[in-house]
Amino acid sequence: MDKPEYISIPRTGTKCPHSGLSRSGIYNLIRPTKANGYKAVVASRPVLLPGKRRGRRMVVYRSLMDYLEKGVVPVERLNLRRQWAEFRASRRPEAPALLAISLREVDDLPDDAVLPA
C-alpha cells in the first residue's frame, strides 16, 4: 500500500484509518495547546480548493507517523507522572523537599523508579 503524503482529519465519531486516533486526538497534536507547550507536534497544512470559501486542514502523514513512532509514552511513565501529580497534591510534610523536582525531571528518572508512598 502506498503511503499518502497528506491525510484528512476523520469525521466526528470515527477513527483515523492510518493512526487509530480520533478527530479530537489528531486536533490535539496539530494545534498549539497548553498540553503540548503551545507548539504543534504534528505538521498540518490548510488546503483551499479554487472557487471555495472554506478549506480543509490536511495532516502531514510522515509527521504523524514519526510522532507516533517516537512520541508514544510508555504506560509506566504515564503512571509515574500520575503518581507524581498525586504526591504533589497530597501536601504531605515531606512534599516541600520534593516540590523542586519538575515533571521534566520525572521524565528523566529511570523506568523502575518509584515515588515515596
N, C-alpha and C. Protein backbone atom coordinates (compact mmCIF):
# COMPACT_ATOMS: atom_id res chain seq x y z
N MET A 1 0.84 -1.18 0.00
CA MET A 1 0.00 0.00 0.00
C MET A 1 0.88 1.25 0.00
N ASP A 2 0.62 2.17 -0.90
CA ASP A 2 1.36 3.41 -0.95
C ASP A 2 0.98 4.29 0.23
N LYS A 3 1.97 4.96 0.77
CA LYS A 3 1.72 5.85 1.90
C LYS A 3 1.39 7.23 1.35
N PRO A 4 0.30 7.82 1.82
CA PRO A 4 -0.10 9.14 1.31
C PRO A 4 0.83 10.23 1.85
N GLU A 5 0.88 11.33 1.16
CA GLU A 5 1.66 12.47 1.64
C GLU A 5 0.87 13.23 2.71
N TYR A 6 -0.43 13.36 2.49
CA TYR A 6 -1.33 14.03 3.43
C TYR A 6 -2.53 13.14 3.71
N ILE A 7 -3.07 13.28 4.92
CA ILE A 7 -4.32 12.57 5.25
C ILE A 7 -5.30 13.60 5.81
N SER A 8 -6.56 13.34 5.61
CA SER A 8 -7.57 14.25 6.14
C SER A 8 -7.92 13.84 7.57
N ILE A 9 -8.45 14.79 8.30
CA ILE A 9 -8.86 14.53 9.68
C ILE A 9 -10.17 13.76 9.62
N PRO A 10 -10.30 12.69 10.42
CA PRO A 10 -11.51 11.87 10.34
C PRO A 10 -12.76 12.62 10.78
N ARG A 11 -13.90 12.16 10.30
CA ARG A 11 -15.18 12.74 10.69
C ARG A 11 -15.43 12.48 12.16
N THR A 12 -16.30 13.28 12.75
CA THR A 12 -16.65 13.12 14.15
C THR A 12 -17.20 11.72 14.39
N GLY A 13 -16.71 11.09 15.46
CA GLY A 13 -17.19 9.76 15.84
C GLY A 13 -16.47 8.62 15.15
N THR A 14 -15.50 8.92 14.29
CA THR A 14 -14.75 7.86 13.62
C THR A 14 -13.27 7.99 13.97
N LYS A 15 -12.52 6.96 13.68
CA LYS A 15 -11.09 6.94 13.94
C LYS A 15 -10.32 7.04 12.63
N CYS A 16 -9.12 7.57 12.71
CA CYS A 16 -8.25 7.67 11.54
C CYS A 16 -7.81 6.26 11.16
N PRO A 17 -7.97 5.86 9.90
CA PRO A 17 -7.58 4.51 9.50
C PRO A 17 -6.06 4.30 9.50
N HIS A 18 -5.29 5.38 9.50
CA HIS A 18 -3.84 5.26 9.47
C HIS A 18 -3.22 5.20 10.86
N SER A 19 -3.80 5.94 11.80
CA SER A 19 -3.20 6.03 13.14
C SER A 19 -4.07 5.45 14.24
N GLY A 20 -5.37 5.35 14.00
CA GLY A 20 -6.29 4.89 15.03
C GLY A 20 -6.71 5.98 15.99
N LEU A 21 -6.26 7.22 15.73
CA LEU A 21 -6.62 8.34 16.61
C LEU A 21 -7.98 8.91 16.23
N SER A 22 -8.64 9.49 17.21
CA SER A 22 -9.92 10.14 16.96
C SER A 22 -9.68 11.53 16.40
N ARG A 23 -10.74 12.17 15.98
CA ARG A 23 -10.66 13.53 15.45
C ARG A 23 -10.05 14.48 16.49
N SER A 24 -10.55 14.41 17.72
CA SER A 24 -10.03 15.30 18.76
C SER A 24 -8.58 14.97 19.09
N GLY A 25 -8.22 13.69 19.04
CA GLY A 25 -6.83 13.30 19.29
C GLY A 25 -5.88 13.90 18.27
N ILE A 26 -6.28 13.90 17.01
CA ILE A 26 -5.44 14.49 15.97
C ILE A 26 -5.39 16.01 16.12
N TYR A 27 -6.53 16.63 16.42
CA TYR A 27 -6.54 18.08 16.62
C TYR A 27 -5.63 18.49 17.77
N ASN A 28 -5.56 17.68 18.82
CA ASN A 28 -4.67 17.99 19.94
C ASN A 28 -3.21 17.96 19.53
N LEU A 29 -2.89 17.22 18.48
CA LEU A 29 -1.50 17.14 18.01
C LEU A 29 -1.16 18.25 17.02
N ILE A 30 -2.14 18.70 16.23
CA ILE A 30 -1.83 19.67 15.17
C ILE A 30 -2.07 21.12 15.60
N ARG A 31 -2.74 21.32 16.73
CA ARG A 31 -2.99 22.68 17.20
C ARG A 31 -2.11 22.99 18.39
N PRO A 32 -1.61 24.21 18.48
CA PRO A 32 -0.83 24.59 19.66
C PRO A 32 -1.74 24.70 20.87
N THR A 33 -1.48 23.92 21.90
CA THR A 33 -2.29 23.94 23.12
C THR A 33 -1.36 23.97 24.33
N LYS A 34 -1.92 24.19 25.49
CA LYS A 34 -1.14 24.18 26.72
C LYS A 34 -0.50 22.82 26.93
N ALA A 35 -1.22 21.76 26.60
CA ALA A 35 -0.72 20.40 26.80
C ALA A 35 0.55 20.11 26.00
N ASN A 36 0.69 20.71 24.82
CA ASN A 36 1.90 20.46 24.02
C ASN A 36 2.84 21.66 24.00
N GLY A 37 2.74 22.51 25.03
CA GLY A 37 3.64 23.65 25.15
C GLY A 37 3.40 24.72 24.10
N TYR A 38 2.17 24.83 23.63
CA TYR A 38 1.78 25.81 22.62
C TYR A 38 2.60 25.67 21.33
N LYS A 39 2.93 24.43 21.02
CA LYS A 39 3.65 24.15 19.77
C LYS A 39 3.07 22.86 19.19
N ALA A 40 2.58 22.95 17.98
CA ALA A 40 2.01 21.76 17.34
C ALA A 40 3.10 20.71 17.18
N VAL A 41 2.79 19.47 17.55
CA VAL A 41 3.80 18.41 17.47
C VAL A 41 3.70 17.62 16.17
N VAL A 42 2.63 17.81 15.43
CA VAL A 42 2.45 17.16 14.13
C VAL A 42 2.14 18.25 13.11
N ALA A 43 2.81 18.19 11.97
CA ALA A 43 2.63 19.21 10.93
C ALA A 43 1.29 19.00 10.20
N SER A 44 0.70 20.12 9.80
CA SER A 44 -0.53 20.08 9.01
C SER A 44 -0.52 21.28 8.07
N ARG A 45 -1.34 21.20 7.03
CA ARG A 45 -1.40 22.27 6.03
C ARG A 45 -2.86 22.57 5.69
N PRO A 46 -3.20 23.85 5.55
CA PRO A 46 -4.54 24.17 5.08
C PRO A 46 -4.61 24.03 3.56
N VAL A 47 -5.73 23.55 3.08
CA VAL A 47 -5.93 23.38 1.63
C VAL A 47 -7.22 24.08 1.26
N LEU A 48 -7.14 24.95 0.27
CA LEU A 48 -8.32 25.66 -0.20
C LEU A 48 -8.46 25.39 -1.70
N LEU A 49 -9.53 24.76 -2.07
CA LEU A 49 -9.76 24.48 -3.49
C LEU A 49 -10.25 25.73 -4.21
N PRO A 50 -9.91 25.89 -5.48
CA PRO A 50 -10.33 27.07 -6.22
C PRO A 50 -11.86 27.20 -6.24
N GLY A 51 -12.33 28.41 -6.03
CA GLY A 51 -13.78 28.67 -6.06
C GLY A 51 -14.49 28.38 -4.75
N LYS A 52 -13.78 27.88 -3.74
CA LYS A 52 -14.39 27.55 -2.45
C LYS A 52 -14.06 28.63 -1.44
N ARG A 53 -14.96 28.84 -0.49
CA ARG A 53 -14.72 29.83 0.56
C ARG A 53 -14.05 29.19 1.78
N ARG A 54 -14.35 27.94 2.01
CA ARG A 54 -13.80 27.25 3.18
C ARG A 54 -12.86 26.15 2.71
N GLY A 55 -11.79 25.99 3.46
CA GLY A 55 -10.82 24.96 3.11
C GLY A 55 -10.87 23.79 4.06
N ARG A 56 -9.83 23.00 4.00
CA ARG A 56 -9.69 21.82 4.84
C ARG A 56 -8.29 21.76 5.38
N ARG A 57 -8.11 21.24 6.56
CA ARG A 57 -6.78 21.07 7.11
C ARG A 57 -6.36 19.62 6.89
N MET A 58 -5.21 19.46 6.27
CA MET A 58 -4.67 18.13 5.99
C MET A 58 -3.45 17.89 6.88
N VAL A 59 -3.34 16.68 7.40
CA VAL A 59 -2.24 16.31 8.28
C VAL A 59 -1.12 15.70 7.43
N VAL A 60 0.11 16.10 7.71
CA VAL A 60 1.26 15.53 7.01
C VAL A 60 1.47 14.12 7.56
N TYR A 61 1.26 13.13 6.71
CA TYR A 61 1.29 11.72 7.11
C TYR A 61 2.60 11.35 7.80
N ARG A 62 3.72 11.71 7.19
CA ARG A 62 5.03 11.32 7.73
C ARG A 62 5.26 11.95 9.10
N SER A 63 4.81 13.18 9.29
CA SER A 63 4.95 13.85 10.58
C SER A 63 4.15 13.12 11.67
N LEU A 64 2.95 12.70 11.33
CA LEU A 64 2.12 11.97 12.29
C LEU A 64 2.74 10.62 12.63
N MET A 65 3.23 9.90 11.61
CA MET A 65 3.84 8.59 11.87
C MET A 65 5.13 8.73 12.67
N ASP A 66 5.93 9.76 12.38
CA ASP A 66 7.16 9.98 13.15
C ASP A 66 6.83 10.26 14.61
N TYR A 67 5.81 11.08 14.84
CA TYR A 67 5.41 11.38 16.21
C TYR A 67 4.96 10.12 16.93
N LEU A 68 4.15 9.32 16.28
CA LEU A 68 3.64 8.11 16.92
C LEU A 68 4.76 7.11 17.19
N GLU A 69 5.75 7.05 16.29
CA GLU A 69 6.85 6.11 16.48
C GLU A 69 7.76 6.52 17.63
N LYS A 70 8.03 7.82 17.78
CA LYS A 70 8.95 8.24 18.83
C LYS A 70 8.27 8.94 19.99
N GLY A 71 7.05 9.40 19.79
CA GLY A 71 6.41 10.21 20.81
C GLY A 71 5.49 9.48 21.75
N VAL A 72 5.31 8.20 21.56
CA VAL A 72 4.41 7.45 22.43
C VAL A 72 5.10 7.22 23.77
N VAL A 73 4.42 7.59 24.84
CA VAL A 73 4.96 7.45 26.18
C VAL A 73 4.55 6.09 26.74
N PRO A 74 5.50 5.31 27.27
CA PRO A 74 5.12 4.02 27.86
C PRO A 74 4.15 4.20 29.02
N VAL A 75 3.29 3.22 29.23
CA VAL A 75 2.28 3.29 30.28
C VAL A 75 2.93 3.51 31.64
N GLU A 76 4.09 2.88 31.88
CA GLU A 76 4.77 3.03 33.16
C GLU A 76 5.12 4.50 33.42
N ARG A 77 5.55 5.19 32.37
CA ARG A 77 5.93 6.60 32.51
C ARG A 77 4.69 7.44 32.82
N LEU A 78 3.57 7.13 32.19
CA LEU A 78 2.33 7.86 32.48
C LEU A 78 1.92 7.63 33.92
N ASN A 79 2.07 6.39 34.41
CA ASN A 79 1.71 6.10 35.79
C ASN A 79 2.61 6.87 36.75
N LEU A 80 3.91 6.98 36.43
CA LEU A 80 4.83 7.71 37.27
C LEU A 80 4.45 9.19 37.32
N ARG A 81 4.06 9.75 36.16
CA ARG A 81 3.63 11.14 36.12
C ARG A 81 2.36 11.33 36.95
N ARG A 82 1.44 10.36 36.88
CA ARG A 82 0.21 10.45 37.67
C ARG A 82 0.53 10.37 39.16
N GLN A 83 1.44 9.44 39.54
CA GLN A 83 1.83 9.32 40.94
C GLN A 83 2.46 10.62 41.43
N TRP A 84 3.28 11.23 40.59
CA TRP A 84 3.93 12.48 40.97
C TRP A 84 2.88 13.57 41.19
N ALA A 85 1.91 13.67 40.31
CA ALA A 85 0.87 14.67 40.45
C ALA A 85 0.06 14.44 41.74
N GLU A 86 -0.24 13.19 42.04
CA GLU A 86 -0.97 12.87 43.26
C GLU A 86 -0.13 13.21 44.49
N PHE A 87 1.16 12.92 44.41
CA PHE A 87 2.06 13.20 45.53
C PHE A 87 2.14 14.70 45.79
N ARG A 88 2.24 15.50 44.72
CA ARG A 88 2.30 16.96 44.88
C ARG A 88 1.00 17.49 45.45
N ALA A 89 -0.11 16.89 45.06
CA ALA A 89 -1.41 17.35 45.53
C ALA A 89 -1.68 16.96 46.98
N SER A 90 -0.97 15.98 47.49
CA SER A 90 -1.26 15.46 48.83
C SER A 90 -0.82 16.41 49.94
N ARG A 91 0.15 17.27 49.68
CA ARG A 91 0.64 18.25 50.67
C ARG A 91 1.18 17.57 51.93
N ARG A 92 1.83 16.43 51.77
CA ARG A 92 2.42 15.75 52.91
C ARG A 92 3.62 16.54 53.43
N PRO A 93 4.03 16.30 54.69
CA PRO A 93 5.16 17.06 55.25
C PRO A 93 6.44 16.95 54.42
N GLU A 94 6.69 15.79 53.82
CA GLU A 94 7.92 15.62 53.04
C GLU A 94 7.80 16.20 51.63
N ALA A 95 6.61 16.66 51.25
CA ALA A 95 6.40 17.17 49.90
C ALA A 95 7.26 18.39 49.57
N PRO A 96 7.46 19.38 50.46
CA PRO A 96 8.25 20.55 50.07
C PRO A 96 9.65 20.21 49.57
N ALA A 97 10.27 19.19 50.16
CA ALA A 97 11.62 18.81 49.73
C ALA A 97 11.61 18.29 48.29
N LEU A 98 10.51 17.69 47.88
CA LEU A 98 10.45 17.11 46.55
C LEU A 98 9.75 18.02 45.54
N LEU A 99 9.18 19.14 45.99
CA LEU A 99 8.47 20.01 45.07
C LEU A 99 9.41 20.64 44.03
N ALA A 100 10.70 20.68 44.33
CA ALA A 100 11.65 21.26 43.38
C ALA A 100 11.82 20.38 42.15
N ILE A 101 11.41 19.14 42.23
CA ILE A 101 11.51 18.24 41.08
C ILE A 101 10.40 18.59 40.10
N SER A 102 10.76 18.84 38.87
CA SER A 102 9.76 19.16 37.86
C SER A 102 9.33 17.90 37.14
N LEU A 103 8.25 18.00 36.36
CA LEU A 103 7.81 16.85 35.58
C LEU A 103 8.86 16.46 34.55
N ARG A 104 9.64 17.41 34.08
CA ARG A 104 10.72 17.09 33.13
C ARG A 104 11.73 16.17 33.81
N GLU A 105 12.04 16.45 35.09
CA GLU A 105 12.96 15.59 35.81
C GLU A 105 12.33 14.22 36.08
N VAL A 106 11.02 14.19 36.28
CA VAL A 106 10.34 12.90 36.44
C VAL A 106 10.50 12.09 35.17
N ASP A 107 10.39 12.75 34.02
CA ASP A 107 10.56 12.04 32.75
C ASP A 107 11.97 11.49 32.60
N ASP A 108 12.95 12.12 33.25
CA ASP A 108 14.34 11.67 33.15
C ASP A 108 14.67 10.54 34.12
N LEU A 109 13.77 10.24 35.06
CA LEU A 109 14.01 9.16 36.01
C LEU A 109 14.06 7.82 35.31
N PRO A 110 14.79 6.86 35.87
CA PRO A 110 14.80 5.52 35.26
C PRO A 110 13.42 4.89 35.30
N ASP A 111 13.19 3.94 34.41
CA ASP A 111 11.87 3.33 34.29
C ASP A 111 11.43 2.60 35.55
N ASP A 112 12.37 2.13 36.38
CA ASP A 112 12.00 1.36 37.57
C ASP A 112 11.89 2.25 38.82
N ALA A 113 11.92 3.56 38.65
CA ALA A 113 11.83 4.48 39.79
C ALA A 113 10.44 4.44 40.40
N VAL A 114 10.40 4.57 41.72
CA VAL A 114 9.13 4.57 42.45
C VAL A 114 9.14 5.79 43.38
N LEU A 115 8.07 6.52 43.39
CA LEU A 115 7.95 7.67 44.28
C LEU A 115 7.58 7.19 45.68
N PRO A 116 7.94 7.96 46.73
CA PRO A 116 7.61 7.55 48.10
C PRO A 116 6.10 7.44 48.28
N ALA A 117 5.70 6.48 49.12
CA ALA A 117 4.27 6.25 49.37
C ALA A 117 3.71 7.25 50.35
